[in-house]
Structures are given as C-alpha cells and as structure tokens.
C-alpha cells in the first residue's frame, strides 16, 4: 500500500488593511515565519512533490519563501499550481483538488487560509490520529502553522476520516 503525506499550511502573517484582502502582502514577521517553515519542512523530510497554493498574494509569498528555504536544502522543485479555487475554498474543495494529484507524488503541500486548513485536517483525521493534534486543528491554527497527515493508498481515495493526523507545528 502506498503511503502519501499531506501538509496543510496556513499562510504566514499578513499585513492588516490598506489593500483588498486578496492582495494583502506578508508582514515582516510573516516573511520570517515562512522562511522558518521552509527550513523546518526540509529538516523533517517534508519537501513536497506537488504544491497547491491559493492565488492570494500572502499565500504566494509564503510559498516563495518556503520554496527558497527548501531549495537551499537541496530539495527538488515541485509541480506548483496556483489557483483561485483555494482562496475561498471549503474543506471539500481542498480534498477534491488533492484527489486530483497523481499517485507518484509522495508529498503534497497545500498553502491556504483559515479556517479551511484546520477544517481539512480535522475532517481527514481518522481514528489513528494524534489526539493533541486533532484538538489543536479543531480550535484553529495560527499563521504559519502546518499540519501533517499520512494517507495510505491513492490520493483519489482521500475521504473524511481516511488519514492519520500526526502533528501540528508552528515556526
């Protein structure tokens, strides 16, 4: 049985006000968060083979800083899809997008927004999940936080309760 890993990342801290929500850039602290996330993902062996990223400026900037840190660690460049679908997505929308990832991709990174990334993690978390991690995603996660889920079998079979939520981390 093939094991896959799904990493759900909430974008790093963004500036408040001054721009339409979709166009809000990262704050300085958010830039530091995103770089730290990239380093941590590399150290954990979680370099993605595929990235699904919301089209919002803050998510794209988060991904670019994560990518820079991953590349510095020697990670290969993943296939990246920036999509408007993730901007206002619900949990079922995200799951549908992940179901379309080819099975030869071992790790998928989704860069999105709250409360969606928490809802996806809570929805997919099955009975073998880490209890503390499940409790954390049920209350929401801060900017720059990521959840790691292990999925046995095909991406196309991803469904509620079908994954193991193994942890939630913050930069």
C-alpha atoms as a PDB file:
ATOM      1  CA  UNK A   1       0.000   0.000   0.000  1.00  0.00           C
ATOM      2  CA  UNK A   2       1.373   3.420  -0.966  1.00  0.00           C
ATOM      3  CA  UNK A   3       1.777   5.976   1.787  1.00  0.00           C
ATOM      4  CA  UNK A   4       1.401   9.650   0.991  1.00  0.00           C
ATOM      5  CA  UNK A   5       1.819  12.738   3.140  1.00  0.00           C
ATOM      6  CA  UNK A   6      -0.389  15.802   3.019  1.00  0.00           C
ATOM      7  CA  UNK A   7       0.948  19.009   4.547  1.00  0.00           C
ATOM      8  CA  UNK A   8      -1.628  21.737   5.148  1.00  0.00           C
ATOM      9  CA  UNK A   9       0.000  25.148   5.663  1.00  0.00           C
ATOM     10  CA  UNK A  10      -1.754  28.303   6.754  1.00  0.00           C
ATOM     11  CA  UNK A  11      -0.119  31.309   5.104  1.00  0.00           C
ATOM     12  CA  UNK A  12       2.301  33.339   7.204  1.00  0.00           C
ATOM     13  CA  UNK A  13       1.343  36.582   8.967  1.00  0.00           C
ATOM     14  CA  UNK A  14      -0.001  39.213   6.571  1.00  0.00           C
ATOM     15  CA  UNK A  15      -0.231  42.994   6.796  1.00  0.00           C
ATOM     16  CA  UNK A  16      -3.559  44.355   8.030  1.00  0.00           C
ATOM     17  CA  UNK A  17      -5.637  46.767   5.993  1.00  0.00           C
ATOM     18  CA  UNK A  18      -4.552  49.032   3.171  1.00  0.00           C
ATOM     19  CA  UNK A  19      -5.364  46.580   0.394  1.00  0.00           C
ATOM     20  CA  UNK A  20      -8.140  44.373  -0.871  1.00  0.00           C
ATOM     21  CA  UNK A  21      -7.976  41.117   1.129  1.00  0.00           C
ATOM     22  CA  UNK A  22      -6.757  39.047  -1.831  1.00  0.00           C
ATOM     23  CA  UNK A  23      -3.850  41.486  -2.319  1.00  0.00           C
ATOM     24  CA  UNK A  24      -2.596  41.748   1.278  1.00  0.00           C
ATOM     25  CA  UNK A  25       1.180  41.093   1.417  1.00  0.00           C
ATOM     26  CA  UNK A  26       3.128  39.350   4.147  1.00  0.00           C
ATOM     27  CA  UNK A  27       4.240  41.369   7.137  1.00  0.00           C
ATOM     28  CA  UNK A  28       7.907  41.303   8.110  1.00  0.00           C
ATOM     29  CA  UNK A  29       7.152  38.743  10.818  1.00  0.00           C
ATOM     30  CA  UNK A  30       5.331  36.680   8.186  1.00  0.00           C
ATOM     31  CA  UNK A  31       8.401  36.672   5.962  1.00  0.00           C
ATOM     32  CA  UNK A  32      10.459  35.309   8.859  1.00  0.00           C
ATOM     33  CA  UNK A  33       7.735  32.729   9.624  1.00  0.00           C
ATOM     34  CA  UNK A  34       7.620  31.469   6.040  1.00  0.00           C
ATOM     35  CA  UNK A  35      11.387  31.072   5.834  1.00  0.00           C
ATOM     36  CA  UNK A  36      11.354  29.154   9.130  1.00  0.00           C
ATOM     37  CA  UNK A  37       8.589  26.894   7.809  1.00  0.00           C
ATOM     38  CA  UNK A  38      10.657  26.035   4.737  1.00  0.00           C
ATOM     39  CA  UNK A  39      13.667  25.164   6.874  1.00  0.00           C
ATOM     40  CA  UNK A  40      11.547  23.051   9.228  1.00  0.00           C
ATOM     41  CA  UNK A  41       9.852  21.184   6.371  1.00  0.00           C
ATOM     42  CA  UNK A  42      13.243  20.417   4.830  1.00  0.00           C
ATOM     43  CA  UNK A  43      14.613  19.173   8.162  1.00  0.00           C
ATOM     44  CA  UNK A  44      11.530  16.964   8.644  1.00  0.00           C
ATOM     45  CA  UNK A  45      11.875  15.438   5.170  1.00  0.00           C
ATOM     46  CA  UNK A  46       8.624  17.028   4.034  1.00  0.00           C
ATOM     47  CA  UNK A  47       9.743  18.569   0.751  1.00  0.00           C
ATOM     48  CA  UNK A  48       6.661  18.422  -1.496  1.00  0.00           C
ATOM     49  CA  UNK A  49       6.469  16.912  -4.953  1.00  0.00           C
ATOM     50  CA  UNK A  50       3.337  18.956  -5.620  1.00  0.00           C
ATOM     51  CA  UNK A  51       2.130  22.296  -4.239  1.00  0.00           C
ATOM     52  CA  UNK A  52      -1.421  23.610  -4.380  1.00  0.00           C
ATOM     53  CA  UNK A  53      -1.366  27.310  -3.497  1.00  0.00           C
ATOM     54  CA  UNK A  54      -4.132  29.867  -3.148  1.00  0.00           C
ATOM     55  CA  UNK A  55      -3.858  32.782  -5.564  1.00  0.00           C
ATOM     56  CA  UNK A  56      -3.883  35.354  -2.735  1.00  0.00           C
ATOM     57  CA  UNK A  57      -0.687  37.419  -2.537  1.00  0.00           C
ATOM     58  CA  UNK A  58       0.104  36.343   1.042  1.00  0.00           C
ATOM     59  CA  UNK A  59      -0.121  32.634   0.172  1.00  0.00           C
ATOM     60  CA  UNK A  60       2.017  33.042  -2.943  1.00  0.00           C
ATOM     61  CA  UNK A  61       4.616  34.981  -0.953  1.00  0.00           C
ATOM     62  CA  UNK A  62       4.523  32.325   1.788  1.00  0.00           C
ATOM     63  CA  UNK A  63       5.154  29.611  -0.794  1.00  0.00           C
ATOM     64  CA  UNK A  64       8.020  31.530  -2.428  1.00  0.00           C
ATOM     65  CA  UNK A  65       9.830  31.924   0.899  1.00  0.00           C
ATOM     66  CA  UNK A  66       9.166  28.276   1.835  1.00  0.00           C
ATOM     67  CA  UNK A  67      10.446  27.256  -1.614  1.00  0.00           C
ATOM     68  CA  UNK A  68      13.618  29.283  -1.195  1.00  0.00           C
ATOM     69  CA  UNK A  69      14.418  27.527   2.092  1.00  0.00           C
ATOM     70  CA  UNK A  70      13.587  24.095   0.629  1.00  0.00           C
ATOM     71  CA  UNK A  71      15.734  24.734  -2.447  1.00  0.00           C
ATOM     72  CA  UNK A  72      18.639  25.834  -0.226  1.00  0.00           C
ATOM     73  CA  UNK A  73      18.407  22.434   1.478  1.00  0.00           C
ATOM     74  CA  UNK A  74      18.705  20.638  -1.867  1.00  0.00           C
ATOM     75  CA  UNK A  75      15.036  19.756  -2.380  1.00  0.00           C
ATOM     76  CA  UNK A  76      13.889  19.241  -5.962  1.00  0.00           C
ATOM     77  CA  UNK A  77      11.484  21.749  -7.491  1.00  0.00           C
ATOM     78  CA  UNK A  78       7.879  20.560  -7.120  1.00  0.00           C
ATOM     79  CA  UNK A  79       4.998  20.952  -9.540  1.00  0.00           C
ATOM     80  CA  UNK A  80       3.164  24.105  -8.408  1.00  0.00           C
ATOM     81  CA  UNK A  81      -0.448  25.024  -9.108  1.00  0.00           C
ATOM     82  CA  UNK A  82      -1.580  28.496  -8.010  1.00  0.00           C
ATOM     83  CA  UNK A  83      -5.349  28.555  -8.072  1.00  0.00           C
ATOM     84  CA  UNK A  84      -8.227  30.898  -7.288  1.00  0.00           C
ATOM     85  CA  UNK A  85     -10.160  27.817  -6.126  1.00  0.00           C
ATOM     86  CA  UNK A  86      -8.210  27.714  -2.861  1.00  0.00           C
ATOM     87  CA  UNK A  87      -8.878  31.355  -1.960  1.00  0.00           C
ATOM     88  CA  UNK A  88     -12.499  30.836  -0.871  1.00  0.00           C
ATOM     89  CA  UNK A  89     -12.336  27.038  -0.675  1.00  0.00           C
ATOM     90  CA  UNK A  90     -14.139  24.883   1.813  1.00  0.00           C
ATOM     91  CA  UNK A  91     -12.765  21.601   3.111  1.00  0.00           C
ATOM     92  CA  UNK A  92     -14.466  19.554   0.387  1.00  0.00           C
ATOM     93  CA  UNK A  93     -12.961  21.803  -2.314  1.00  0.00           C
ATOM     94  CA  UNK A  94      -9.446  21.251  -0.972  1.00  0.00           C
ATOM     95  CA  UNK A  95      -9.969  17.494  -0.709  1.00  0.00           C
ATOM     96  CA  UNK A  96     -11.227  17.438  -4.326  1.00  0.00           C
ATOM     97  CA  UNK A  97      -8.097  19.253  -5.517  1.00  0.00           C
ATOM     98  CA  UNK A  98      -5.804  16.862  -3.631  1.00  0.00           C
ATOM     99  CA  UNK A  99      -7.682  13.870  -5.070  1.00  0.00           C
ATOM    100  CA  UNK A 100      -6.501  15.000  -8.494  1.00  0.00           C
ATOM    101  CA  UNK A 101      -2.794  14.751  -7.635  1.00  0.00           C
ATOM    102  CA  UNK A 102      -1.012  11.854  -9.379  1.00  0.00           C
ATOM    103  CA  UNK A 103      -0.182   8.910  -7.121  1.00  0.00           C
ATOM    104  CA  UNK A 104       3.527   9.088  -7.927  1.00  0.00           C
ATOM    105  CA  UNK A 105       3.659  12.298  -5.840  1.00  0.00           C
ATOM    106  CA  UNK A 106       4.582  11.297  -2.298  1.00  0.00           C
ATOM    107  CA  UNK A 107       4.063  14.620  -0.508  1.00  0.00           C
ATOM    108  CA  UNK A 108       1.550  17.350  -1.302  1.00  0.00           C
ATOM    109  CA  UNK A 109       1.708  20.805   0.265  1.00  0.00           C
ATOM    110  CA  UNK A 110      -1.438  22.946   0.338  1.00  0.00           C
ATOM    111  CA  UNK A 111      -0.861  26.638   1.122  1.00  0.00           C
ATOM    112  CA  UNK A 112      -4.172  28.135   2.131  1.00  0.00           C
ATOM    113  CA  UNK A 113      -6.259  30.029   4.642  1.00  0.00           C
ATOM    114  CA  UNK A 114      -8.043  29.621   7.940  1.00  0.00           C
ATOM    115  CA  UNK A 115     -10.438  28.234   8.855  1.00  0.00           C
ATOM    116  CA  UNK A 116     -10.173  25.953   5.821  1.00  0.00           C
ATOM    117  CA  UNK A 117      -6.773  24.372   6.515  1.00  0.00           C
ATOM    118  CA  UNK A 118      -7.883  23.429  10.043  1.00  0.00           C
ATOM    119  CA  UNK A 119     -11.206  22.089   8.788  1.00  0.00           C
ATOM    120  CA  UNK A 120      -9.471  19.920   6.193  1.00  0.00           C
ATOM    121  CA  UNK A 121      -7.110  18.471   8.806  1.00  0.00           C
ATOM    122  CA  UNK A 122      -9.962  17.813  11.249  1.00  0.00           C
ATOM    123  CA  UNK A 123     -12.148  16.281   8.531  1.00  0.00           C
ATOM    124  CA  UNK A 124      -9.456  13.924   7.227  1.00  0.00           C
ATOM    125  CA  UNK A 125      -8.164  12.879  10.660  1.00  0.00           C
ATOM    126  CA  UNK A 126      -9.083   9.255  11.290  1.00  0.00           C
ATOM    127  CA  UNK A 127      -9.091   7.132  14.437  1.00  0.00           C
ATOM    128  CA  UNK A 128      -5.300   6.562  14.482  1.00  0.00           C
ATOM    129  CA  UNK A 129      -4.588  10.313  14.641  1.00  0.00           C
ATOM    130  CA  UNK A 130      -2.675  12.101  17.367  1.00  0.00           C
ATOM    131  CA  UNK A 131      -5.285  13.314  19.885  1.00  0.00           C
ATOM    132  CA  UNK A 132      -3.471  16.553  20.736  1.00  0.00           C
ATOM    133  CA  UNK A 133      -3.102  17.428  17.051  1.00  0.00           C
ATOM    134  CA  UNK A 134      -6.797  16.775  16.418  1.00  0.00           C
ATOM    135  CA  UNK A 135      -7.736  19.002  19.369  1.00  0.00           C
ATOM    136  CA  UNK A 136      -5.460  21.736  18.006  1.00  0.00           C
ATOM    137  CA  UNK A 137      -6.920  21.783  14.490  1.00  0.00           C
ATOM    138  CA  UNK A 138     -10.444  21.746  15.882  1.00  0.00           C
ATOM    139  CA  UNK A 139      -9.736  25.112  17.540  1.00  0.00           C
ATOM    140  CA  UNK A 140      -7.854  26.585  14.568  1.00  0.00           C
ATOM    141  CA  UNK A 141      -4.182  27.189  13.892  1.00  0.00           C
ATOM    142  CA  UNK A 142      -2.107  30.389  13.895  1.00  0.00           C
ATOM    143  CA  UNK A 143      -0.408  31.902  10.864  1.00  0.00           C
ATOM    144  CA  UNK A 144       2.489  29.854   9.562  1.00  0.00           C
ATOM    145  CA  UNK A 145       1.266  26.634  11.224  1.00  0.00           C
ATOM    146  CA  UNK A 146       1.220  23.350   9.333  1.00  0.00           C
ATOM    147  CA  UNK A 147      -0.483  20.010   9.866  1.00  0.00           C
ATOM    148  CA  UNK A 148       0.894  16.694   8.622  1.00  0.00           C
ATOM    149  CA  UNK A 149      -1.397  13.858   7.596  1.00  0.00           C
ATOM    150  CA  UNK A 150      -0.383  10.400   6.424  1.00  0.00           C
ATOM    151  CA  UNK A 151      -2.567   8.805   3.777  1.00  0.00           C
ATOM    152  CA  UNK A 152      -2.469   5.111   2.877  1.00  0.00           C
ATOM    153  CA  UNK A 153      -3.448   4.338  -0.703  1.00  0.00           C
ATOM    154  CA  UNK A 154      -4.328   6.560  -3.619  1.00  0.00           C
ATOM    155  CA  UNK A 155      -4.840  10.311  -3.451  1.00  0.00           C
ATOM    156  CA  UNK A 156      -8.094   9.744  -5.329  1.00  0.00           C
ATOM    157  CA  UNK A 157      -9.430   7.747  -2.352  1.00  0.00           C
ATOM    158  CA  UNK A 158      -8.944  10.591   0.125  1.00  0.00           C
ATOM    159  CA  UNK A 159     -12.082  10.954   2.255  1.00  0.00           C
ATOM    160  CA  UNK A 160     -13.253  12.056   5.693  1.00  0.00           C
ATOM    161  CA  UNK A 161     -11.508  10.056   8.399  1.00  0.00           C
ATOM    162  CA  UNK A 162      -9.151   8.334   5.937  1.00  0.00           C
ATOM    163  CA  UNK A 163      -5.859   9.866   7.120  1.00  0.00           C
ATOM    164  CA  UNK A 164      -3.723   9.978  10.241  1.00  0.00           C
ATOM    165  CA  UNK A 165      -3.078  13.453  11.584  1.00  0.00           C
ATOM    166  CA  UNK A 166       0.405  13.011  13.027  1.00  0.00           C
ATOM    167  CA  UNK A 167       1.134  16.535  14.175  1.00  0.00           C
ATOM    168  CA  UNK A 168       0.707  20.273  14.028  1.00  0.00           C
ATOM    169  CA  UNK A 169       3.712  22.589  14.112  1.00  0.00           C
ATOM    170  CA  UNK A 170       4.403  26.312  14.128  1.00  0.00           C
ATOM    171  CA  UNK A 171       7.511  28.224  13.061  1.00  0.00           C
END
